[in-house]
């Protein structure tokens, strides 16, 4: 199982990072709604590799129960999530950790454009200052980054467990019968 988790987790993590990078670098999605949507779509596409990994695992080990299908899927997600975190940290280092400042500036600018009141802007600027302070701490930033991919990974792991399990008595679920 460890080999399956390593191979497919690596592929899922790299694919997710590549798609996120394409959205940010080539398509120009910033930290707004488009970037968020693209990021989650990238995670779904990248983590879909877990279905292939569980299928290959089942072909090698025979019919699987829900738990037997869920565990490699969950492992693939966790490994891919770690790759995602490492990739994000590499991006932050390459951009001299400017993300938090850019995010805060864009958030305030968006509220100004919406016509926020002076009191709302003061509160938002205080919130953004607190965010930047927290985000500078890796003990805050690393788990926060992992939590971005976690809901998608957990949902897809559960789906893989259900979809890739073999119903009772069906020992030939993966035979090619044409």
N, C-alpha and C. Protein backbone atom coordinates (compact mmCIF):
# COMPACT_ATOMS: atom_id res chain seq x y z
N UNK A 1 0.82 -1.19 0.00
CA UNK A 1 0.00 0.00 0.00
C UNK A 1 0.87 1.25 0.00
N UNK A 2 2.02 1.19 0.69
CA UNK A 2 2.88 2.36 0.78
C UNK A 2 3.37 2.80 -0.61
N UNK A 3 3.68 1.83 -1.45
CA UNK A 3 4.14 2.16 -2.82
C UNK A 3 3.03 2.87 -3.60
N UNK A 4 1.82 2.36 -3.49
CA UNK A 4 0.67 2.99 -4.17
C UNK A 4 0.47 4.41 -3.67
N UNK A 5 0.53 4.59 -2.35
CA UNK A 5 0.34 5.92 -1.77
C UNK A 5 1.44 6.86 -2.25
N UNK A 6 2.68 6.39 -2.26
CA UNK A 6 3.79 7.24 -2.68
C UNK A 6 3.65 7.65 -4.14
N UNK A 7 3.46 6.68 -5.02
CA UNK A 7 3.42 6.96 -6.47
C UNK A 7 2.23 7.86 -6.82
N UNK A 8 1.03 7.46 -6.40
CA UNK A 8 -0.15 8.21 -6.80
C UNK A 8 -0.30 9.51 -6.00
N UNK A 9 0.19 9.54 -4.78
CA UNK A 9 0.21 10.78 -4.01
C UNK A 9 1.13 11.81 -4.62
N UNK A 10 2.29 11.34 -5.08
CA UNK A 10 3.24 12.23 -5.75
C UNK A 10 2.63 12.79 -7.04
N UNK A 11 2.04 11.92 -7.84
CA UNK A 11 1.42 12.36 -9.09
C UNK A 11 0.28 13.34 -8.79
N UNK A 12 -0.57 13.02 -7.82
CA UNK A 12 -1.70 13.90 -7.48
C UNK A 12 -1.22 15.25 -6.97
N UNK A 13 -0.19 15.25 -6.12
CA UNK A 13 0.33 16.51 -5.59
C UNK A 13 0.96 17.37 -6.66
N UNK A 14 1.77 16.76 -7.51
CA UNK A 14 2.44 17.52 -8.58
C UNK A 14 1.40 18.02 -9.59
N UNK A 15 0.42 17.19 -9.93
CA UNK A 15 -0.62 17.62 -10.87
C UNK A 15 -1.42 18.79 -10.29
N UNK A 16 -1.77 18.72 -9.02
CA UNK A 16 -2.50 19.81 -8.37
C UNK A 16 -1.69 21.10 -8.40
N UNK A 17 -0.42 21.00 -8.01
CA UNK A 17 0.44 22.19 -8.02
C UNK A 17 0.59 22.76 -9.43
N UNK A 18 0.72 21.89 -10.42
CA UNK A 18 0.87 22.34 -11.80
C UNK A 18 -0.38 23.09 -12.26
N UNK A 19 -1.54 22.53 -11.96
CA UNK A 19 -2.79 23.18 -12.37
C UNK A 19 -2.99 24.51 -11.65
N UNK A 20 -2.69 24.55 -10.36
CA UNK A 20 -2.79 25.81 -9.62
C UNK A 20 -1.83 26.83 -10.22
N UNK A 21 -0.62 26.39 -10.54
CA UNK A 21 0.37 27.28 -11.15
C UNK A 21 -0.06 27.80 -12.50
N UNK A 22 -0.69 26.94 -13.30
CA UNK A 22 -1.20 27.37 -14.61
C UNK A 22 -2.27 28.44 -14.41
N UNK A 23 -3.13 28.24 -13.44
CA UNK A 23 -4.19 29.22 -13.17
C UNK A 23 -3.62 30.56 -12.75
N UNK A 24 -2.61 30.52 -11.90
CA UNK A 24 -2.03 31.78 -11.39
C UNK A 24 -1.09 32.41 -12.41
N UNK A 25 -0.21 31.61 -13.00
CA UNK A 25 0.83 32.16 -13.87
C UNK A 25 0.40 32.44 -15.29
N UNK A 26 -0.31 31.52 -15.89
CA UNK A 26 -0.66 31.65 -17.31
C UNK A 26 -2.03 32.30 -17.50
N UNK A 27 -3.01 31.84 -16.73
CA UNK A 27 -4.36 32.37 -16.90
C UNK A 27 -4.58 33.67 -16.13
N UNK A 28 -3.68 33.98 -15.22
CA UNK A 28 -3.74 35.26 -14.52
C UNK A 28 -4.75 35.34 -13.40
N UNK A 29 -5.20 34.18 -12.88
CA UNK A 29 -6.12 34.21 -11.75
C UNK A 29 -5.34 34.66 -10.53
N UNK A 30 -5.84 35.70 -9.87
CA UNK A 30 -5.15 36.19 -8.69
C UNK A 30 -5.77 35.56 -7.45
N UNK A 31 -5.80 36.28 -6.38
CA UNK A 31 -6.28 35.75 -5.12
C UNK A 31 -7.78 35.96 -4.94
N UNK A 32 -8.47 36.33 -5.99
CA UNK A 32 -9.91 36.59 -5.91
C UNK A 32 -10.72 35.32 -6.09
N UNK A 33 -11.98 35.52 -6.44
CA UNK A 33 -12.91 34.41 -6.60
C UNK A 33 -12.46 33.45 -7.70
N UNK A 34 -12.00 34.01 -8.83
CA UNK A 34 -11.55 33.14 -9.93
C UNK A 34 -10.40 32.25 -9.48
N UNK A 35 -9.48 32.82 -8.74
CA UNK A 35 -8.34 32.04 -8.24
C UNK A 35 -8.78 30.96 -7.28
N UNK A 36 -9.74 31.26 -6.42
CA UNK A 36 -10.23 30.29 -5.46
C UNK A 36 -10.95 29.14 -6.18
N UNK A 37 -11.80 29.47 -7.14
CA UNK A 37 -12.51 28.45 -7.89
C UNK A 37 -11.52 27.59 -8.67
N UNK A 38 -10.58 28.23 -9.36
CA UNK A 38 -9.58 27.49 -10.11
C UNK A 38 -8.77 26.58 -9.17
N UNK A 39 -8.42 27.07 -8.01
CA UNK A 39 -7.65 26.28 -7.05
C UNK A 39 -8.39 25.02 -6.63
N UNK A 40 -9.67 25.15 -6.31
CA UNK A 40 -10.43 23.97 -5.90
C UNK A 40 -10.69 23.01 -7.05
N UNK A 41 -10.92 23.54 -8.24
CA UNK A 41 -11.07 22.66 -9.42
C UNK A 41 -9.76 21.92 -9.66
N UNK A 42 -8.64 22.61 -9.50
CA UNK A 42 -7.33 21.97 -9.66
C UNK A 42 -7.13 20.85 -8.65
N UNK A 43 -7.59 21.07 -7.42
CA UNK A 43 -7.48 20.04 -6.40
C UNK A 43 -8.33 18.82 -6.73
N UNK A 44 -9.54 19.04 -7.21
CA UNK A 44 -10.42 17.92 -7.57
C UNK A 44 -9.78 17.12 -8.71
N UNK A 45 -9.31 17.81 -9.74
CA UNK A 45 -8.69 17.12 -10.87
C UNK A 45 -7.43 16.39 -10.42
N UNK A 46 -6.57 17.06 -9.69
CA UNK A 46 -5.32 16.45 -9.24
C UNK A 46 -5.56 15.25 -8.33
N UNK A 47 -6.47 15.38 -7.38
CA UNK A 47 -6.73 14.29 -6.44
C UNK A 47 -7.54 13.16 -7.06
N UNK A 48 -8.12 13.38 -8.22
CA UNK A 48 -8.84 12.30 -8.90
C UNK A 48 -7.92 11.13 -9.25
N UNK A 49 -6.64 11.39 -9.26
CA UNK A 49 -5.65 10.33 -9.49
C UNK A 49 -5.80 9.22 -8.45
N UNK A 50 -6.35 9.55 -7.29
CA UNK A 50 -6.51 8.53 -6.24
C UNK A 50 -7.39 7.39 -6.70
N UNK A 51 -8.37 7.65 -7.58
CA UNK A 51 -9.23 6.59 -8.07
C UNK A 51 -8.43 5.59 -8.90
N UNK A 52 -7.50 6.09 -9.69
CA UNK A 52 -6.62 5.21 -10.48
C UNK A 52 -5.74 4.41 -9.53
N UNK A 53 -5.20 5.08 -8.52
CA UNK A 53 -4.34 4.39 -7.56
C UNK A 53 -5.07 3.28 -6.82
N UNK A 54 -6.28 3.55 -6.38
CA UNK A 54 -7.06 2.53 -5.67
C UNK A 54 -7.43 1.39 -6.62
N UNK A 55 -7.74 1.73 -7.85
CA UNK A 55 -8.07 0.69 -8.85
C UNK A 55 -6.86 -0.23 -9.07
N UNK A 56 -5.68 0.35 -9.22
CA UNK A 56 -4.46 -0.45 -9.40
C UNK A 56 -4.18 -1.30 -8.16
N UNK A 57 -4.42 -0.71 -7.00
CA UNK A 57 -4.23 -1.45 -5.75
C UNK A 57 -5.19 -2.64 -5.69
N UNK A 58 -6.44 -2.43 -6.08
CA UNK A 58 -7.43 -3.52 -6.08
C UNK A 58 -7.07 -4.59 -7.09
N UNK A 59 -6.55 -4.19 -8.24
CA UNK A 59 -6.15 -5.18 -9.24
C UNK A 59 -5.03 -6.07 -8.73
N UNK A 60 -4.16 -5.50 -7.90
CA UNK A 60 -3.04 -6.28 -7.35
C UNK A 60 -3.43 -7.09 -6.12
N UNK A 61 -4.43 -6.64 -5.37
CA UNK A 61 -4.74 -7.28 -4.09
C UNK A 61 -6.13 -7.92 -4.04
N UNK A 62 -6.89 -7.84 -5.09
CA UNK A 62 -8.21 -8.46 -5.10
C UNK A 62 -9.29 -7.52 -4.62
N UNK A 63 -10.49 -8.08 -4.48
CA UNK A 63 -11.64 -7.27 -4.07
C UNK A 63 -11.39 -6.53 -2.75
N UNK A 64 -11.91 -5.32 -2.65
CA UNK A 64 -11.69 -4.49 -1.48
C UNK A 64 -13.00 -4.15 -0.78
N UNK A 65 -12.91 -4.07 0.55
CA UNK A 65 -14.03 -3.54 1.32
C UNK A 65 -13.94 -2.02 1.26
N UNK A 66 -14.92 -1.34 1.86
CA UNK A 66 -14.86 0.12 1.90
C UNK A 66 -13.56 0.59 2.57
N UNK A 67 -13.26 0.04 3.73
CA UNK A 67 -12.07 0.46 4.48
C UNK A 67 -10.80 0.18 3.68
N UNK A 68 -10.72 -0.98 3.05
CA UNK A 68 -9.54 -1.33 2.25
C UNK A 68 -9.38 -0.42 1.05
N UNK A 69 -10.45 0.13 0.52
CA UNK A 69 -10.37 1.08 -0.59
C UNK A 69 -10.14 2.50 -0.07
N UNK A 70 -10.74 2.83 1.07
CA UNK A 70 -10.61 4.17 1.64
C UNK A 70 -9.17 4.44 2.10
N UNK A 71 -8.53 3.48 2.74
CA UNK A 71 -7.20 3.72 3.31
C UNK A 71 -6.15 4.14 2.28
N UNK A 72 -6.00 3.44 1.16
CA UNK A 72 -5.02 3.95 0.19
C UNK A 72 -5.44 5.30 -0.41
N UNK A 73 -6.74 5.50 -0.61
CA UNK A 73 -7.21 6.79 -1.13
C UNK A 73 -6.86 7.91 -0.15
N UNK A 74 -7.11 7.68 1.12
CA UNK A 74 -6.81 8.68 2.15
C UNK A 74 -5.30 8.92 2.22
N UNK A 75 -4.52 7.86 2.12
CA UNK A 75 -3.06 8.00 2.13
C UNK A 75 -2.57 8.81 0.94
N UNK A 76 -3.15 8.57 -0.22
CA UNK A 76 -2.79 9.33 -1.42
C UNK A 76 -3.11 10.80 -1.20
N UNK A 77 -4.29 11.10 -0.66
CA UNK A 77 -4.66 12.48 -0.38
C UNK A 77 -3.68 13.14 0.60
N UNK A 78 -3.34 12.45 1.68
CA UNK A 78 -2.45 13.04 2.68
C UNK A 78 -1.08 13.32 2.06
N UNK A 79 -0.55 12.36 1.30
CA UNK A 79 0.76 12.58 0.67
C UNK A 79 0.68 13.71 -0.35
N UNK A 80 -0.37 13.73 -1.15
CA UNK A 80 -0.56 14.83 -2.12
C UNK A 80 -0.69 16.16 -1.39
N UNK A 81 -1.39 16.17 -0.27
CA UNK A 81 -1.52 17.39 0.53
C UNK A 81 -0.18 17.89 1.04
N UNK A 82 0.68 16.97 1.45
CA UNK A 82 2.02 17.37 1.89
C UNK A 82 2.83 17.93 0.73
N UNK A 83 2.70 17.34 -0.44
CA UNK A 83 3.37 17.86 -1.64
C UNK A 83 2.85 19.27 -1.93
N UNK A 84 1.54 19.45 -1.79
CA UNK A 84 0.92 20.76 -2.01
C UNK A 84 1.49 21.80 -1.05
N UNK A 85 1.63 21.43 0.21
CA UNK A 85 2.17 22.36 1.21
C UNK A 85 3.62 22.71 0.89
N UNK A 86 4.42 21.72 0.56
CA UNK A 86 5.82 21.96 0.22
C UNK A 86 5.92 22.85 -1.03
N UNK A 87 5.07 22.58 -2.01
CA UNK A 87 5.06 23.40 -3.23
C UNK A 87 4.67 24.84 -2.94
N UNK A 88 3.68 25.03 -2.07
CA UNK A 88 3.26 26.38 -1.71
C UNK A 88 4.39 27.10 -0.98
N UNK A 89 5.05 26.41 -0.09
CA UNK A 89 6.17 27.01 0.64
C UNK A 89 7.30 27.40 -0.33
N UNK A 90 7.54 26.57 -1.33
CA UNK A 90 8.56 26.90 -2.34
C UNK A 90 8.15 28.15 -3.11
N UNK A 91 6.86 28.24 -3.46
CA UNK A 91 6.35 29.43 -4.14
C UNK A 91 6.53 30.67 -3.27
N UNK A 92 6.17 30.56 -2.00
CA UNK A 92 6.32 31.70 -1.09
C UNK A 92 7.77 32.15 -1.01
N UNK A 93 8.68 31.18 -0.89
CA UNK A 93 10.11 31.53 -0.81
C UNK A 93 10.57 32.20 -2.10
N UNK A 94 10.12 31.67 -3.24
CA UNK A 94 10.54 32.24 -4.53
C UNK A 94 10.01 33.65 -4.74
N UNK A 95 8.87 33.96 -4.11
CA UNK A 95 8.28 35.29 -4.25
C UNK A 95 8.55 36.17 -3.02
N UNK A 96 9.50 35.75 -2.22
CA UNK A 96 9.94 36.51 -1.04
C UNK A 96 8.81 36.77 -0.04
N UNK A 97 7.93 35.78 0.07
CA UNK A 97 6.85 35.81 1.07
C UNK A 97 5.97 37.05 0.96
N UNK A 98 5.67 37.46 -0.27
CA UNK A 98 4.84 38.64 -0.49
C UNK A 98 3.34 38.32 -0.55
N UNK A 99 2.98 37.04 -0.51
CA UNK A 99 1.57 36.65 -0.66
C UNK A 99 0.66 37.36 0.34
N UNK A 100 1.00 37.31 1.63
CA UNK A 100 0.11 37.87 2.65
C UNK A 100 -0.12 39.37 2.42
N UNK A 101 0.93 40.08 2.07
CA UNK A 101 0.80 41.52 1.80
C UNK A 101 -0.08 41.77 0.58
N UNK A 102 0.13 41.01 -0.49
CA UNK A 102 -0.67 41.16 -1.70
C UNK A 102 -2.14 40.80 -1.44
N UNK A 103 -2.35 39.71 -0.71
CA UNK A 103 -3.70 39.28 -0.38
C UNK A 103 -4.42 40.36 0.43
N UNK A 104 -3.74 40.89 1.43
CA UNK A 104 -4.33 41.93 2.28
C UNK A 104 -4.65 43.17 1.45
N UNK A 105 -3.73 43.60 0.59
CA UNK A 105 -3.95 44.78 -0.25
C UNK A 105 -5.13 44.58 -1.19
N UNK A 106 -5.21 43.42 -1.82
CA UNK A 106 -6.31 43.14 -2.73
C UNK A 106 -7.65 43.07 -2.00
N UNK A 107 -7.63 42.52 -0.80
CA UNK A 107 -8.87 42.42 -0.02
C UNK A 107 -9.37 43.81 0.36
N UNK A 108 -8.48 44.67 0.81
CA UNK A 108 -8.87 46.04 1.17
C UNK A 108 -9.32 46.80 -0.07
N UNK A 109 -8.59 46.67 -1.17
CA UNK A 109 -8.96 47.36 -2.41
C UNK A 109 -10.35 46.93 -2.90
N UNK A 110 -10.65 45.64 -2.76
CA UNK A 110 -11.97 45.15 -3.18
C UNK A 110 -13.08 45.77 -2.33
N UNK A 111 -12.82 45.91 -1.03
CA UNK A 111 -13.83 46.52 -0.14
C UNK A 111 -13.99 48.01 -0.44
N UNK A 112 -12.90 48.68 -0.77
CA UNK A 112 -12.97 50.09 -1.14
C UNK A 112 -13.83 50.23 -2.39
N UNK A 113 -13.59 49.35 -3.38
CA UNK A 113 -14.35 49.39 -4.63
C UNK A 113 -15.83 49.11 -4.40
N UNK A 114 -16.14 48.32 -3.38
CA UNK A 114 -17.53 48.02 -3.06
C UNK A 114 -18.20 49.18 -2.32
N UNK A 115 -17.39 50.16 -1.90
CA UNK A 115 -17.95 51.31 -1.20
C UNK A 115 -18.05 51.14 0.30
N UNK A 116 -17.12 50.40 0.89
CA UNK A 116 -17.13 50.18 2.34
C UNK A 116 -16.98 51.50 3.08
N UNK A 117 -17.56 51.55 4.26
CA UNK A 117 -17.47 52.74 5.09
C UNK A 117 -16.08 52.82 5.72
N UNK A 118 -15.76 53.99 6.25
CA UNK A 118 -14.46 54.19 6.90
C UNK A 118 -14.30 53.24 8.08
N UNK A 119 -15.35 53.03 8.84
CA UNK A 119 -15.28 52.13 10.00
C UNK A 119 -15.04 50.68 9.55
N UNK A 120 -15.70 50.29 8.47
CA UNK A 120 -15.49 48.93 7.94
C UNK A 120 -14.05 48.76 7.46
N UNK A 121 -13.51 49.78 6.82
CA UNK A 121 -12.13 49.71 6.33
C UNK A 121 -11.12 49.65 7.47
N UNK A 122 -11.37 50.40 8.53
CA UNK A 122 -10.47 50.36 9.70
C UNK A 122 -10.45 48.96 10.29
N UNK A 123 -11.63 48.36 10.45
CA UNK A 123 -11.71 47.00 11.00
C UNK A 123 -11.03 46.01 10.06
N UNK A 124 -11.29 46.11 8.77
CA UNK A 124 -10.69 45.20 7.80
C UNK A 124 -9.17 45.33 7.79
N UNK A 125 -8.67 46.55 7.84
CA UNK A 125 -7.21 46.75 7.87
C UNK A 125 -6.60 46.14 9.13
N UNK A 126 -7.29 46.24 10.25
CA UNK A 126 -6.81 45.61 11.49
C UNK A 126 -6.82 44.08 11.35
N UNK A 127 -7.89 43.56 10.76
CA UNK A 127 -7.98 42.11 10.52
C UNK A 127 -6.86 41.63 9.59
N UNK A 128 -6.60 42.40 8.55
CA UNK A 128 -5.55 42.03 7.60
C UNK A 128 -4.15 42.12 8.24
N UNK A 129 -3.94 43.09 9.11
CA UNK A 129 -2.67 43.19 9.83
C UNK A 129 -2.48 41.97 10.73
N UNK A 130 -3.56 41.54 11.38
CA UNK A 130 -3.51 40.34 12.22
C UNK A 130 -3.23 39.10 11.35
N UNK A 131 -3.91 39.02 10.20
CA UNK A 131 -3.68 37.90 9.27
C UNK A 131 -2.22 37.83 8.84
N UNK A 132 -1.65 38.97 8.46
CA UNK A 132 -0.25 38.99 8.01
C UNK A 132 0.69 38.52 9.11
N UNK A 133 0.41 38.94 10.33
CA UNK A 133 1.22 38.52 11.47
C UNK A 133 1.12 37.01 11.68
N UNK A 134 -0.10 36.48 11.64
CA UNK A 134 -0.29 35.04 11.78
C UNK A 134 0.37 34.28 10.63
N UNK A 135 0.19 34.75 9.41
CA UNK A 135 0.68 34.05 8.22
C UNK A 135 2.19 34.00 8.18
N UNK A 136 2.84 34.92 8.85
CA UNK A 136 4.31 34.91 8.90
C UNK A 136 4.83 33.75 9.75
N UNK A 137 3.98 33.19 10.59
CA UNK A 137 4.36 32.08 11.46
C UNK A 137 4.11 30.75 10.74
N UNK A 138 5.17 29.96 10.46
CA UNK A 138 4.98 28.68 9.76
C UNK A 138 4.08 27.70 10.53
N UNK A 139 4.03 27.81 11.85
CA UNK A 139 3.17 26.92 12.62
C UNK A 139 1.69 27.23 12.40
N UNK A 140 1.40 28.41 11.92
CA UNK A 140 0.05 28.78 11.50
C UNK A 140 -0.14 28.48 10.01
N UNK A 141 0.84 28.90 9.20
CA UNK A 141 0.73 28.85 7.75
C UNK A 141 0.69 27.42 7.20
N UNK A 142 1.54 26.53 7.69
CA UNK A 142 1.61 25.18 7.14
C UNK A 142 0.30 24.41 7.32
N UNK A 143 -0.25 24.36 8.55
CA UNK A 143 -1.54 23.67 8.68
C UNK A 143 -2.66 24.36 7.90
N UNK A 144 -2.61 25.70 7.84
CA UNK A 144 -3.63 26.43 7.10
C UNK A 144 -3.59 26.05 5.62
N UNK A 145 -2.40 25.90 5.07
CA UNK A 145 -2.25 25.49 3.67
C UNK A 145 -2.78 24.08 3.47
N UNK A 146 -2.45 23.17 4.39
CA UNK A 146 -2.95 21.79 4.27
C UNK A 146 -4.47 21.76 4.36
N UNK A 147 -5.04 22.62 5.20
CA UNK A 147 -6.49 22.65 5.35
C UNK A 147 -7.21 23.14 4.10
N UNK A 148 -6.50 23.79 3.19
CA UNK A 148 -7.11 24.19 1.92
C UNK A 148 -7.49 22.97 1.10
N UNK A 149 -6.62 21.97 1.07
CA UNK A 149 -6.84 20.80 0.24
C UNK A 149 -7.58 19.69 0.99
N UNK A 150 -7.62 19.78 2.31
CA UNK A 150 -8.19 18.71 3.13
C UNK A 150 -9.66 18.39 2.85
N UNK A 151 -10.56 19.37 2.73
CA UNK A 151 -11.96 19.00 2.49
C UNK A 151 -12.15 18.22 1.18
N UNK A 152 -11.48 18.67 0.13
CA UNK A 152 -11.58 17.98 -1.16
C UNK A 152 -11.00 16.58 -1.04
N UNK A 153 -9.84 16.47 -0.40
CA UNK A 153 -9.19 15.18 -0.24
C UNK A 153 -10.02 14.20 0.57
N UNK A 154 -10.61 14.67 1.63
CA UNK A 154 -11.43 13.79 2.47
C UNK A 154 -12.68 13.34 1.73
N UNK A 155 -13.35 14.26 1.06
CA UNK A 155 -14.55 13.90 0.29
C UNK A 155 -14.21 12.89 -0.81
N UNK A 156 -13.14 13.16 -1.55
CA UNK A 156 -12.77 12.22 -2.62
C UNK A 156 -12.31 10.89 -2.07
N UNK A 157 -11.66 10.87 -0.90
CA UNK A 157 -11.25 9.61 -0.28
C UNK A 157 -12.48 8.78 0.09
N UNK A 158 -13.49 9.43 0.66
CA UNK A 158 -14.73 8.73 0.99
C UNK A 158 -15.42 8.21 -0.27
N UNK A 159 -15.47 9.05 -1.31
CA UNK A 159 -16.07 8.61 -2.58
C UNK A 159 -15.30 7.43 -3.17
N UNK A 160 -13.98 7.48 -3.11
CA UNK A 160 -13.17 6.38 -3.63
C UNK A 160 -13.44 5.11 -2.83
N UNK A 161 -13.56 5.24 -1.52
CA UNK A 161 -13.86 4.07 -0.69
C UNK A 161 -15.18 3.42 -1.09
N UNK A 162 -16.20 4.25 -1.32
CA UNK A 162 -17.49 3.72 -1.74
C UNK A 162 -17.45 3.20 -3.17
N UNK A 163 -16.88 3.97 -4.07
CA UNK A 163 -16.90 3.60 -5.49
C UNK A 163 -16.01 2.42 -5.82
N UNK A 164 -14.90 2.27 -5.10
CA UNK A 164 -13.94 1.24 -5.46
C UNK A 164 -14.09 -0.04 -4.63
N UNK A 165 -15.04 -0.06 -3.71
CA UNK A 165 -15.25 -1.28 -2.94
C UNK A 165 -15.92 -2.32 -3.83
N UNK A 166 -15.73 -3.57 -3.49
CA UNK A 166 -16.34 -4.64 -4.25
C UNK A 166 -17.55 -5.14 -3.47
N UNK A 167 -18.70 -5.16 -4.09
CA UNK A 167 -19.88 -5.67 -3.38
C UNK A 167 -19.66 -7.10 -2.93
N UNK A 168 -20.28 -7.48 -1.82
CA UNK A 168 -20.13 -8.84 -1.27
C UNK A 168 -20.45 -9.88 -2.32
N UNK A 169 -19.64 -10.93 -2.33
CA UNK A 169 -19.88 -12.06 -3.22
C UNK A 169 -19.44 -11.83 -4.65
N UNK A 170 -18.99 -10.66 -4.98
CA UNK A 170 -18.55 -10.36 -6.35
C UNK A 170 -17.04 -10.39 -6.41
N UNK A 171 -16.46 -11.57 -6.49
CA UNK A 171 -15.02 -11.71 -6.51
C UNK A 171 -14.43 -11.43 -7.88
N UNK A 172 -15.25 -11.16 -8.84
CA UNK A 172 -14.76 -10.94 -10.20
C UNK A 172 -15.03 -9.52 -10.67
N UNK A 173 -15.07 -8.59 -9.74
CA UNK A 173 -15.43 -7.20 -10.09
C UNK A 173 -14.46 -6.55 -11.04
N UNK A 174 -13.21 -6.99 -11.06
CA UNK A 174 -12.23 -6.33 -11.92
C UNK A 174 -11.83 -7.20 -13.12
N UNK A 175 -12.55 -8.29 -13.35
CA UNK A 175 -12.27 -9.10 -14.53
C UNK A 175 -12.77 -8.37 -15.76
N UNK A 176 -12.06 -8.55 -16.84
CA UNK A 176 -12.49 -7.96 -18.11
C UNK A 176 -13.44 -8.93 -18.78
N UNK A 177 -14.71 -8.62 -18.72
CA UNK A 177 -15.72 -9.47 -19.34
C UNK A 177 -16.37 -8.70 -20.47
N UNK A 178 -15.95 -8.93 -21.66
CA UNK A 178 -16.53 -8.24 -22.82
C UNK A 178 -17.30 -9.18 -23.68
